[in-house]
All heavy atoms as atom14 arrays in JSON, in Angstrom:
{
  "sequence": "LEPKDGFPKAKAAAMKALSLDQQLAEAHTSLANILTSYEWDFK",
  "atom14_mask": [
    [1, 1, 1, 1, 1, 1, 1, 1, 0, 0, 0, 0, 0, 0],
    [1, 1, 1, 1, 1, 1, 1, 1, 1, 0, 0, 0, 0, 0],
    [1, 1, 1, 1, 1, 1, 1, 0, 0, 0, 0, 0, 0, 0],
    [1, 1, 1, 1, 1, 1, 1, 1, 1, 0, 0, 0, 0, 0],
    [1, 1, 1, 1, 1, 1, 1, 1, 0, 0, 0, 0, 0, 0],
    [1, 1, 1, 1, 0, 0, 0, 0, 0, 0, 0, 0, 0, 0],
    [1, 1, 1, 1, 1, 1, 1, 1, 1, 1, 1, 0, 0, 0],
    [1, 1, 1, 1, 1, 1, 1, 0, 0, 0, 0, 0, 0, 0],
    [1, 1, 1, 1, 1, 1, 1, 1, 1, 0, 0, 0, 0, 0],
    [1, 1, 1, 1, 1, 0, 0, 0, 0, 0, 0, 0, 0, 0],
    [1, 1, 1, 1, 1, 1, 1, 1, 1, 0, 0, 0, 0, 0],
    [1, 1, 1, 1, 1, 0, 0, 0, 0, 0, 0, 0, 0, 0],
    [1, 1, 1, 1, 1, 0, 0, 0, 0, 0, 0, 0, 0, 0],
    [1, 1, 1, 1, 1, 0, 0, 0, 0, 0, 0, 0, 0, 0],
    [1, 1, 1, 1, 1, 1, 1, 1, 0, 0, 0, 0, 0, 0],
    [1, 1, 1, 1, 1, 1, 1, 1, 1, 0, 0, 0, 0, 0],
    [1, 1, 1, 1, 1, 0, 0, 0, 0, 0, 0, 0, 0, 0],
    [1, 1, 1, 1, 1, 1, 1, 1, 0, 0, 0, 0, 0, 0],
    [1, 1, 1, 1, 1, 1, 0, 0, 0, 0, 0, 0, 0, 0],
    [1, 1, 1, 1, 1, 1, 1, 1, 0, 0, 0, 0, 0, 0],
    [1, 1, 1, 1, 1, 1, 1, 1, 0, 0, 0, 0, 0, 0],
    [1, 1, 1, 1, 1, 1, 1, 1, 1, 0, 0, 0, 0, 0],
    [1, 1, 1, 1, 1, 1, 1, 1, 1, 0, 0, 0, 0, 0],
    [1, 1, 1, 1, 1, 1, 1, 1, 0, 0, 0, 0, 0, 0],
    [1, 1, 1, 1, 1, 0, 0, 0, 0, 0, 0, 0, 0, 0],
    [1, 1, 1, 1, 1, 1, 1, 1, 1, 0, 0, 0, 0, 0],
    [1, 1, 1, 1, 1, 0, 0, 0, 0, 0, 0, 0, 0, 0],
    [1, 1, 1, 1, 1, 1, 1, 1, 1, 1, 0, 0, 0, 0],
    [1, 1, 1, 1, 1, 1, 1, 0, 0, 0, 0, 0, 0, 0],
    [1, 1, 1, 1, 1, 1, 0, 0, 0, 0, 0, 0, 0, 0],
    [1, 1, 1, 1, 1, 1, 1, 1, 0, 0, 0, 0, 0, 0],
    [1, 1, 1, 1, 1, 0, 0, 0, 0, 0, 0, 0, 0, 0],
    [1, 1, 1, 1, 1, 1, 1, 1, 0, 0, 0, 0, 0, 0],
    [1, 1, 1, 1, 1, 1, 1, 1, 0, 0, 0, 0, 0, 0],
    [1, 1, 1, 1, 1, 1, 1, 1, 0, 0, 0, 0, 0, 0],
    [1, 1, 1, 1, 1, 1, 1, 0, 0, 0, 0, 0, 0, 0],
    [1, 1, 1, 1, 1, 1, 0, 0, 0, 0, 0, 0, 0, 0],
    [1, 1, 1, 1, 1, 1, 1, 1, 1, 1, 1, 1, 0, 0],
    [1, 1, 1, 1, 1, 1, 1, 1, 1, 0, 0, 0, 0, 0],
    [1, 1, 1, 1, 1, 1, 1, 1, 1, 1, 1, 1, 1, 1],
    [1, 1, 1, 1, 1, 1, 1, 1, 0, 0, 0, 0, 0, 0],
    [1, 1, 1, 1, 1, 1, 1, 1, 1, 1, 1, 0, 0, 0],
    [1, 1, 1, 1, 1, 1, 1, 1, 1, 0, 0, 0, 0, 0]
  ],
  "atom14_positions": [
    [[-6.07, -18.24, 4.07], [-6.42, -19.05, 5.23], [-7.94, -19.07, 5.19], [-8.56, -18.07, 4.82], [-5.93, -18.31, 6.49], [-5.9, -19.04, 7.82], [-4.94, -20.22, 7.76], [-5.43, -18.08, 8.92], [0.0, 0.0, 0.0], [0.0, 0.0, 0.0], [0.0, 0.0, 0.0], [0.0, 0.0, 0.0], [0.0, 0.0, 0.0], [0.0, 0.0, 0.0]],
    [[-8.54, -20.22, 5.51], [-10.0, -20.28, 5.56], [-10.5, -19.13, 6.45], [-10.01, -18.99, 7.58], [-10.45, -21.6, 6.17], [-10.37, -22.77, 5.22], [-11.42, -22.71, 4.13], [-12.54, -22.21, 4.37], [-11.11, -23.14, 3.02], [0.0, 0.0, 0.0], [0.0, 0.0, 0.0], [0.0, 0.0, 0.0], [0.0, 0.0, 0.0], [0.0, 0.0, 0.0]],
    [[-11.45, -18.31, 5.97], [-11.97, -17.23, 6.81], [-12.38, -17.72, 8.21], [-12.12, -17.05, 9.2], [-13.15, -16.69, 6.02], [-12.77, -16.95, 4.59], [-12.03, -18.27, 4.62], [0.0, 0.0, 0.0], [0.0, 0.0, 0.0], [0.0, 0.0, 0.0], [0.0, 0.0, 0.0], [0.0, 0.0, 0.0], [0.0, 0.0, 0.0], [0.0, 0.0, 0.0]],
    [[-12.98, -18.92, 8.3], [-13.41, -19.43, 9.61], [-12.22, -19.74, 10.52], [-12.4, -19.9, 11.73], [-14.32, -20.66, 9.45], [-13.64, -21.89, 8.87], [-14.63, -23.05, 8.79], [-14.11, -24.25, 8.05], [-12.74, -24.66, 8.32], [0.0, 0.0, 0.0], [0.0, 0.0, 0.0], [0.0, 0.0, 0.0], [0.0, 0.0, 0.0], [0.0, 0.0, 0.0]],
    [[-11.03, -19.85, 9.97], [-9.81, -20.03, 10.78], [-9.13, -18.69, 11.06], [-8.67, -18.44, 12.17], [-8.82, -20.97, 10.07], [-9.4, -22.36, 9.88], [-10.2, -22.8, 10.73], [-9.07, -23.0, 8.87], [0.0, 0.0, 0.0], [0.0, 0.0, 0.0], [0.0, 0.0, 0.0], [0.0, 0.0, 0.0], [0.0, 0.0, 0.0], [0.0, 0.0, 0.0]],
    [[-9.05, -17.85, 10.04], [-8.33, -16.58, 10.18], [-9.04, -15.55, 11.05], [-8.43, -14.95, 11.93], [0.0, 0.0, 0.0], [0.0, 0.0, 0.0], [0.0, 0.0, 0.0], [0.0, 0.0, 0.0], [0.0, 0.0, 0.0], [0.0, 0.0, 0.0], [0.0, 0.0, 0.0], [0.0, 0.0, 0.0], [0.0, 0.0, 0.0], [0.0, 0.0, 0.0]],
    [[-10.33, -15.36, 10.8], [-11.03, -14.26, 11.47], [-11.23, -14.43, 12.97], [-11.07, -13.47, 13.72], [-12.33, -13.92, 10.75], [-12.12, -13.08, 9.52], [-12.09, -13.65, 8.25], [-11.9, -11.71, 9.63], [-11.87, -12.87, 7.12], [-11.67, -10.92, 8.51], [-11.65, -11.51, 7.25], [0.0, 0.0, 0.0], [0.0, 0.0, 0.0], [0.0, 0.0, 0.0]],
    [[-11.55, -15.65, 13.45], [-11.63, -15.79, 14.92], [-10.29, -15.5, 15.61], [-10.27, -14.9, 16.69], [-12.07, -17.24, 15.1], [-12.83, -17.55, 13.83], [-12.07, -16.83, 12.76], [0.0, 0.0, 0.0], [0.0, 0.0, 0.0], [0.0, 0.0, 0.0], [0.0, 0.0, 0.0], [0.0, 0.0, 0.0], [0.0, 0.0, 0.0], [0.0, 0.0, 0.0]],
    [[-9.17, -15.91, 14.98], [-7.84, -15.58, 15.54], [-7.64, -14.07, 15.52], [-7.1, -13.49, 16.46], [-6.73, -16.24, 14.71], [-6.56, -17.7, 15.0], [-5.39, -18.27, 14.21], [-5.22, -19.74, 14.52], [-4.33, -20.41, 13.59], [0.0, 0.0, 0.0], [0.0, 0.0, 0.0], [0.0, 0.0, 0.0], [0.0, 0.0, 0.0], [0.0, 0.0, 0.0]],
    [[-8.07, -13.45, 14.44], [-7.96, -11.99, 14.31], [-8.76, -11.31, 15.42], [-8.27, -10.39, 16.08], [-8.46, -11.53, 12.94], [0.0, 0.0, 0.0], [0.0, 0.0, 0.0], [0.0, 0.0, 0.0], [0.0, 0.0, 0.0], [0.0, 0.0, 0.0], [0.0, 0.0, 0.0], [0.0, 0.0, 0.0], [0.0, 0.0, 0.0], [0.0, 0.0, 0.0]],
    [[-9.99, -11.79, 15.64], [-10.84, -11.15, 16.64], [-10.27, -11.32, 18.04], [-10.27, -10.37, 18.84], [-12.27, -11.69, 16.58], [-13.18, -10.87, 17.5], [-14.63, -11.05, 17.22], [-15.45, -10.02, 18.0], [-16.89, -10.26, 17.84], [0.0, 0.0, 0.0], [0.0, 0.0, 0.0], [0.0, 0.0, 0.0], [0.0, 0.0, 0.0], [0.0, 0.0, 0.0]],
    [[-9.75, -12.51, 18.34], [-9.16, -12.75, 19.66], [-7.99, -11.78, 19.89], [-7.87, -11.2, 20.98], [-8.68, -14.2, 19.77], [0.0, 0.0, 0.0], [0.0, 0.0, 0.0], [0.0, 0.0, 0.0], [0.0, 0.0, 0.0], [0.0, 0.0, 0.0], [0.0, 0.0, 0.0], [0.0, 0.0, 0.0], [0.0, 0.0, 0.0], [0.0, 0.0, 0.0]],
    [[-7.17, -11.57, 18.86], [-6.03, -10.65, 18.99], [-6.49, -9.2, 19.15], [-5.95, -8.45, 19.96], [-5.09, -10.8, 17.79], [0.0, 0.0, 0.0], [0.0, 0.0, 0.0], [0.0, 0.0, 0.0], [0.0, 0.0, 0.0], [0.0, 0.0, 0.0], [0.0, 0.0, 0.0], [0.0, 0.0, 0.0], [0.0, 0.0, 0.0], [0.0, 0.0, 0.0]],
    [[-7.53, -8.81, 18.39], [-8.06, -7.44, 18.5], [-8.64, -7.2, 19.89], [-8.42, -6.14, 20.49], [-9.13, -7.21, 17.43], [0.0, 0.0, 0.0], [0.0, 0.0, 0.0], [0.0, 0.0, 0.0], [0.0, 0.0, 0.0], [0.0, 0.0, 0.0], [0.0, 0.0, 0.0], [0.0, 0.0, 0.0], [0.0, 0.0, 0.0], [0.0, 0.0, 0.0]],
    [[-9.37, -8.19, 20.41], [-9.97, -8.05, 21.74], [-8.89, -7.99, 22.82], [-9.01, -7.25, 23.79], [-10.96, -9.18, 22.03], [-12.17, -9.23, 21.09], [-12.98, -7.62, 20.78], [-13.88, -7.46, 22.33], [0.0, 0.0, 0.0], [0.0, 0.0, 0.0], [0.0, 0.0, 0.0], [0.0, 0.0, 0.0], [0.0, 0.0, 0.0], [0.0, 0.0, 0.0]],
    [[-7.81, -8.75, 22.63], [-6.69, -8.72, 23.57], [-6.05, -7.32, 23.54], [-5.76, -6.74, 24.6], [-5.67, -9.8, 23.21], [-4.42, -9.81, 24.04], [-4.65, -10.33, 25.44], [-3.33, -10.41, 26.2], [-3.52, -10.71, 27.61], [0.0, 0.0, 0.0], [0.0, 0.0, 0.0], [0.0, 0.0, 0.0], [0.0, 0.0, 0.0], [0.0, 0.0, 0.0]],
    [[-5.86, -6.78, 22.34], [-5.29, -5.43, 22.22], [-6.16, -4.42, 22.96], [-5.66, -3.58, 23.71], [-5.15, -5.05, 20.75], [0.0, 0.0, 0.0], [0.0, 0.0, 0.0], [0.0, 0.0, 0.0], [0.0, 0.0, 0.0], [0.0, 0.0, 0.0], [0.0, 0.0, 0.0], [0.0, 0.0, 0.0], [0.0, 0.0, 0.0], [0.0, 0.0, 0.0]],
    [[-7.48, -4.51, 22.77], [-8.4, -3.57, 23.43], [-8.43, -3.76, 24.94], [-8.57, -2.79, 25.68], [-9.81, -3.7, 22.84], [-9.98, -3.08, 21.45], [-11.3, -3.5, 20.83], [-9.87, -1.55, 21.51], [0.0, 0.0, 0.0], [0.0, 0.0, 0.0], [0.0, 0.0, 0.0], [0.0, 0.0, 0.0], [0.0, 0.0, 0.0], [0.0, 0.0, 0.0]],
    [[-8.27, -5.0, 25.39], [-8.25, -5.24, 26.84], [-7.0, -4.61, 27.46], [-7.01, -4.21, 28.61], [-8.34, -6.73, 27.16], [-7.09, -7.36, 26.92], [0.0, 0.0, 0.0], [0.0, 0.0, 0.0], [0.0, 0.0, 0.0], [0.0, 0.0, 0.0], [0.0, 0.0, 0.0], [0.0, 0.0, 0.0], [0.0, 0.0, 0.0], [0.0, 0.0, 0.0]],
    [[-5.92, -4.53, 26.67], [-4.67, -3.92, 27.15], [-4.7, -2.4, 27.04], [-4.09, -1.7, 27.84], [-3.47, -4.47, 26.36], [-3.14, -5.94, 26.61], [-2.19, -6.46, 25.54], [-2.54, -6.13, 28.0], [0.0, 0.0, 0.0], [0.0, 0.0, 0.0], [0.0, 0.0, 0.0], [0.0, 0.0, 0.0], [0.0, 0.0, 0.0], [0.0, 0.0, 0.0]],
    [[-5.38, -1.9, 26.0], [-5.42, -0.44, 25.77], [-6.68, -0.06, 25.03], [-6.77, -0.17, 23.81], [-4.17, -0.01, 24.98], [-4.1, 1.5, 24.8], [-5.04, 2.22, 25.21], [-3.09, 1.98, 24.23], [0.0, 0.0, 0.0], [0.0, 0.0, 0.0], [0.0, 0.0, 0.0], [0.0, 0.0, 0.0], [0.0, 0.0, 0.0], [0.0, 0.0, 0.0]],
    [[-7.66, 0.41, 25.8], [-8.98, 0.8, 25.27], [-8.88, 2.03, 24.35], [-9.78, 2.28, 23.57], [-9.9, 1.08, 26.47], [-11.36, 1.08, 26.18], [-11.91, -0.19, 25.54], [-11.68, -1.29, 25.99], [-12.62, -0.03, 24.44], [0.0, 0.0, 0.0], [0.0, 0.0, 0.0], [0.0, 0.0, 0.0], [0.0, 0.0, 0.0], [0.0, 0.0, 0.0]],
    [[-7.77, 2.77, 24.45], [-7.61, 4.02, 23.69], [-6.79, 3.83, 22.41], [-6.39, 4.81, 21.78], [-6.92, 5.08, 24.56], [-7.66, 5.42, 25.84], [-9.07, 5.9, 25.58], [-9.27, 6.85, 24.83], [-10.06, 5.25, 26.17], [0.0, 0.0, 0.0], [0.0, 0.0, 0.0], [0.0, 0.0, 0.0], [0.0, 0.0, 0.0], [0.0, 0.0, 0.0]],
    [[-6.52, 2.59, 22.04], [-5.64, 2.32, 20.89], [-6.43, 2.32, 19.59], [-7.21, 1.4, 19.32], [-4.92, 0.98, 21.09], [-3.83, 0.66, 20.08], [-2.66, 1.63, 20.18], [-3.34, -0.78, 20.28], [0.0, 0.0, 0.0], [0.0, 0.0, 0.0], [0.0, 0.0, 0.0], [0.0, 0.0, 0.0], [0.0, 0.0, 0.0], [0.0, 0.0, 0.0]],
    [[-6.21, 3.35, 18.78], [-6.92, 3.48, 17.5], [-6.74, 2.26, 16.61], [-7.68, 1.8, 15.96], [-6.44, 4.74, 16.77], [0.0, 0.0, 0.0], [0.0, 0.0, 0.0], [0.0, 0.0, 0.0], [0.0, 0.0, 0.0], [0.0, 0.0, 0.0], [0.0, 0.0, 0.0], [0.0, 0.0, 0.0], [0.0, 0.0, 0.0], [0.0, 0.0, 0.0]],
    [[-5.51, 1.73, 16.58], [-5.23, 0.57, 15.73], [-6.11, -0.63, 16.11], [-6.57, -1.36, 15.23], [-3.75, 0.18, 15.83], [-2.81, 1.14, 15.15], [-2.41, 2.35, 15.99], [-3.01, 2.58, 17.08], [-1.48, 3.07, 15.58], [0.0, 0.0, 0.0], [0.0, 0.0, 0.0], [0.0, 0.0, 0.0], [0.0, 0.0, 0.0], [0.0, 0.0, 0.0]],
    [[-6.32, -0.83, 17.41], [-7.13, -1.96, 17.87], [-8.61, -1.77, 17.48], [-9.27, -2.72, 17.05], [-6.98, -2.15, 19.37], [0.0, 0.0, 0.0], [0.0, 0.0, 0.0], [0.0, 0.0, 0.0], [0.0, 0.0, 0.0], [0.0, 0.0, 0.0], [0.0, 0.0, 0.0], [0.0, 0.0, 0.0], [0.0, 0.0, 0.0], [0.0, 0.0, 0.0]],
    [[-9.12, -0.56, 17.62], [-10.51, -0.28, 17.2], [-10.65, -0.47, 15.69], [-11.67, -0.97, 15.21], [-10.93, 1.13, 17.62], [-11.17, 1.27, 19.09], [-12.3, 0.78, 19.72], [-10.4, 1.81, 20.07], [-12.23, 1.04, 21.02], [-11.08, 1.65, 21.26], [0.0, 0.0, 0.0], [0.0, 0.0, 0.0], [0.0, 0.0, 0.0], [0.0, 0.0, 0.0]],
    [[-9.61, -0.09, 14.95], [-9.62, -0.26, 13.49], [-9.62, -1.74, 13.13], [-10.36, -2.17, 12.24], [-8.39, 0.45, 12.87], [-8.43, 1.84, 13.23], [-8.39, 0.33, 11.36], [0.0, 0.0, 0.0], [0.0, 0.0, 0.0], [0.0, 0.0, 0.0], [0.0, 0.0, 0.0], [0.0, 0.0, 0.0], [0.0, 0.0, 0.0], [0.0, 0.0, 0.0]],
    [[-8.77, -2.51, 13.81], [-8.71, -3.96, 13.57], [-10.09, -4.59, 13.8], [-10.57, -5.37, 12.97], [-7.71, -4.63, 14.51], [-6.42, -4.1, 14.36], [0.0, 0.0, 0.0], [0.0, 0.0, 0.0], [0.0, 0.0, 0.0], [0.0, 0.0, 0.0], [0.0, 0.0, 0.0], [0.0, 0.0, 0.0], [0.0, 0.0, 0.0], [0.0, 0.0, 0.0]],
    [[-10.71, -4.24, 14.92], [-12.03, -4.79, 15.25], [-13.06, -4.36, 14.2], [-13.86, -5.19, 13.74], [-12.45, -4.35, 16.65], [-13.83, -4.87, 17.1], [-13.9, -6.4, 17.07], [-14.15, -4.35, 18.5], [0.0, 0.0, 0.0], [0.0, 0.0, 0.0], [0.0, 0.0, 0.0], [0.0, 0.0, 0.0], [0.0, 0.0, 0.0], [0.0, 0.0, 0.0]],
    [[-13.04, -3.1, 13.81], [-13.99, -2.6, 12.81], [-13.86, -3.37, 11.49], [-14.86, -3.72, 10.86], [-13.76, -1.11, 12.57], [0.0, 0.0, 0.0], [0.0, 0.0, 0.0], [0.0, 0.0, 0.0], [0.0, 0.0, 0.0], [0.0, 0.0, 0.0], [0.0, 0.0, 0.0], [0.0, 0.0, 0.0], [0.0, 0.0, 0.0], [0.0, 0.0, 0.0]],
    [[-12.63, -3.65, 11.1], [-12.38, -4.41, 9.87], [-12.97, -5.81, 9.96], [-13.61, -6.3, 9.02], [-10.87, -4.47, 9.61], [-10.53, -5.28, 8.38], [-11.15, -5.13, 7.33], [-9.54, -6.14, 8.5], [0.0, 0.0, 0.0], [0.0, 0.0, 0.0], [0.0, 0.0, 0.0], [0.0, 0.0, 0.0], [0.0, 0.0, 0.0], [0.0, 0.0, 0.0]],
    [[-12.8, -6.47, 11.11], [-13.34, -7.82, 11.32], [-14.87, -7.78, 11.31], [-15.53, -8.62, 10.69], [-12.8, -8.4, 12.65], [-11.28, -8.61, 12.56], [-13.52, -9.71, 13.01], [-10.58, -8.67, 13.9], [0.0, 0.0, 0.0], [0.0, 0.0, 0.0], [0.0, 0.0, 0.0], [0.0, 0.0, 0.0], [0.0, 0.0, 0.0], [0.0, 0.0, 0.0]],
    [[-15.45, -6.78, 11.99], [-16.91, -6.65, 12.03], [-17.47, -6.43, 10.62], [-18.55, -6.92, 10.3], [-17.31, -5.48, 12.94], [-17.05, -5.68, 14.43], [-17.25, -4.37, 15.19], [-17.94, -6.78, 15.01], [0.0, 0.0, 0.0], [0.0, 0.0, 0.0], [0.0, 0.0, 0.0], [0.0, 0.0, 0.0], [0.0, 0.0, 0.0], [0.0, 0.0, 0.0]],
    [[-16.72, -5.71, 9.77], [-17.16, -5.45, 8.39], [-16.99, -6.69, 7.52], [-17.94, -7.16, 6.89], [-16.33, -4.31, 7.76], [-16.45, -3.14, 8.55], [-16.82, -3.99, 6.34], [0.0, 0.0, 0.0], [0.0, 0.0, 0.0], [0.0, 0.0, 0.0], [0.0, 0.0, 0.0], [0.0, 0.0, 0.0], [0.0, 0.0, 0.0], [0.0, 0.0, 0.0]],
    [[-15.77, -7.22, 7.49], [-15.42, -8.25, 6.5], [-15.93, -9.63, 6.84], [-16.14, -10.44, 5.93], [-13.9, -8.34, 6.37], [-13.36, -7.09, 6.07], [0.0, 0.0, 0.0], [0.0, 0.0, 0.0], [0.0, 0.0, 0.0], [0.0, 0.0, 0.0], [0.0, 0.0, 0.0], [0.0, 0.0, 0.0], [0.0, 0.0, 0.0], [0.0, 0.0, 0.0]],
    [[-16.1, -9.93, 8.11], [-16.42, -11.31, 8.49], [-17.78, -11.42, 9.18], [-18.55, -12.31, 8.89], [-15.33, -11.86, 9.39], [-15.5, -13.32, 9.73], [-15.42, -14.3, 8.73], [-15.73, -13.73, 11.04], [-15.56, -15.64, 9.03], [-15.87, -15.08, 11.35], [-15.79, -16.04, 10.35], [-15.94, -17.36, 10.65], [0.0, 0.0, 0.0], [0.0, 0.0, 0.0]],
    [[-18.06, -10.49, 10.08], [-19.29, -10.6, 10.86], [-20.46, -9.83, 10.24], [-21.59, -9.98, 10.66], [-19.04, -10.15, 12.31], [-18.01, -11.06, 12.98], [-17.84, -10.81, 14.47], [-18.64, -10.07, 15.06], [-16.9, -11.39, 15.02], [0.0, 0.0, 0.0], [0.0, 0.0, 0.0], [0.0, 0.0, 0.0], [0.0, 0.0, 0.0], [0.0, 0.0, 0.0]],
    [[-20.17, -9.01, 9.25], [-21.2, -8.2, 8.57], [-22.03, -7.39, 9.57], [-23.22, -7.18, 9.38], [-22.11, -9.1, 7.71], [-21.34, -9.8, 6.63], [-20.41, -10.78, 6.78], [-21.38, -9.53, 5.23], [-19.88, -11.14, 5.57], [-20.46, -10.4, 4.59], [-22.12, -8.63, 4.44], [-20.24, -10.4, 3.23], [-21.9, -8.65, 3.06], [-20.97, -9.53, 2.46]],
    [[-21.38, -6.94, 10.61], [-22.05, -6.14, 11.64], [-21.72, -4.67, 11.35], [-20.83, -4.08, 11.96], [-21.54, -6.57, 13.03], [-22.2, -5.79, 14.16], [-22.92, -4.79, 13.89], [-21.98, -6.16, 15.33], [0.0, 0.0, 0.0], [0.0, 0.0, 0.0], [0.0, 0.0, 0.0], [0.0, 0.0, 0.0], [0.0, 0.0, 0.0], [0.0, 0.0, 0.0]],
    [[-22.44, -4.13, 10.37], [-22.08, -2.81, 9.86], [-22.29, -1.69, 10.86], [-21.53, -0.73, 10.9], [-22.85, -2.51, 8.56], [-22.42, -3.41, 7.42], [-23.35, -4.07, 6.65], [-21.07, -3.59, 7.14], [-22.95, -4.91, 5.61], [-20.66, -4.41, 6.09], [-21.6, -5.07, 5.33], [0.0, 0.0, 0.0], [0.0, 0.0, 0.0], [0.0, 0.0, 0.0]],
    [[-23.31, -1.82, 11.71], [-23.6, -0.76, 12.67], [-22.44, -0.62, 13.66], [-21.92, 0.48, 13.87], [-24.92, -1.08, 13.39], [-25.49, 0.11, 14.14], [-26.9, -0.19, 14.63], [-27.02, -0.32, 16.02], [-26.77, -0.69, 17.19], [0.0, 0.0, 0.0], [0.0, 0.0, 0.0], [0.0, 0.0, 0.0], [0.0, 0.0, 0.0], [0.0, 0.0, 0.0]]
  ]
}
């Protein structure tokens, strides 16, 4: 899938997961992966 199509959908889903459960390790992991692979926000 074009990264510009896939990653924004991924981020929206990760943010929704975090809004439902701030303590969910899987959601923080999902977000970290998106920040690394697409947004290059390493910090």
